[in-house]
Amino acid sequence: MATLYLIEQGAEIGCDGERIIVRRTGEIIGSVPLVKIEDIVIFGNIGISTPAIKRLLDRGIEVTFMTIDGAYQGRLIGQTTAHVALRQAQYTYATDSERSLRLAQSFVEGKLRNQRVLLQRFSRNRASPPPEAIAAADDLDAYIKRVGRTTRHSALLGVEGSATARYFAGLRSLIGPEWNFRSRQRRPPPDPVNLLLSFGYTLLAHKVLGAVQAAGFDPYLGFLHSLDYGRPSLALDLMEEFRPLLVDSLVVRVCNDGRLRPEHFQPGDEERPVTITDEGKRAFLTAFEERMHTESTHPEGADSGPGKVPYSRCIILQARRLARVIRGQQERYEPFTAR
């Protein structure tokens, strides 16, 4: 099953038997069997009928609403899972500062290890490896060692912030100069690469949020990200190790292989200095879904041990690993890391 992304402004979503039908000005522009849909992501001004909502809720198909620019607005989901015991254990775990810090360290370590792998992997594939990327990968080694020595949450965040800044300095050298990417900036993204990174992280957060909810967690109580009203902190925690693998590497690829080109972006206003065209958005969404379905070896990917599974499955397996740690069935959380 796959995610159905809808970006056609003014369209209406309905249902006809066992199919989702998308119409615009009365004309059918899309028709997909329900059995092939895992979830739906709607961008901007697209309507959905009440019968369609009921059918989707009956089938457990979630609907996520985004602004036309890809900012998260909300989700439509059915009944939440009744894992009361896991949630009670999660709340108890969070009150233990030592165990909470150890878990947060695992999330950061997983992220930094995968950042280092990305820099090394892309450098190896170049005829002339960029020295900035190689130096940044080497420097990440020192930051990874510092993660386990932190004794306070604030110190861990300091290490994570410094390491990430060093990482993006190396990542910059892997993207062509025509993209004019100088540093990671989020609010608002000032250039196409920053826009793609933010867009990709939003899409990834939506995937991880679904995984932690399916595992039975309260997604709003995290261990690395602090409590903040409306912020799914636990989903953001678990997402950290997947950022380099599923978004950063994708952005490097689509910017270098021609799937995204500078003409796919346009100047915006003060609040949105750069915008992406519908053609560019479709190209990136297609590439993102391909990446989610790319297979990688997970230690629990097969019944008896390691096995190849899609990245989308890796996220679910990591959420289950985390649940075992919270329940006390496993001592330490092992982040998913690539080689």
Foldseek 3Di string as FASTA:
>chain_A
DFEAEDLPAQWEWEDDVQWIFIDHPRHTPDIGGVVVHQEYEYEAHYHYDPRRLVVCQVVQHKYWYAYSLQHGDDIDGHDFDDPPVLAVLLVVQLVPLVSLLQQLLQLLLLLLQQLLVLLVVLQVPDPHRDPLSVVLSVVSVVLSVVSVVDDHLVVNVVSSVVNVFSSQSNLVVLFDCVQVDHGADVQPDQTDLNSQLNNLLSVQLVLLVVLLRVLPYQQQPGRNDHHDPPDSRNSVSLCSSVSCQQRSSLSSVCRPVVLDDRVQKDADDPRHRIGGHPSSVVSSVVSNRVQQQDWDWDQPPDPVGIDIGGNSVVSNVLSNLVSCCSVVNDVHRHRDHDD
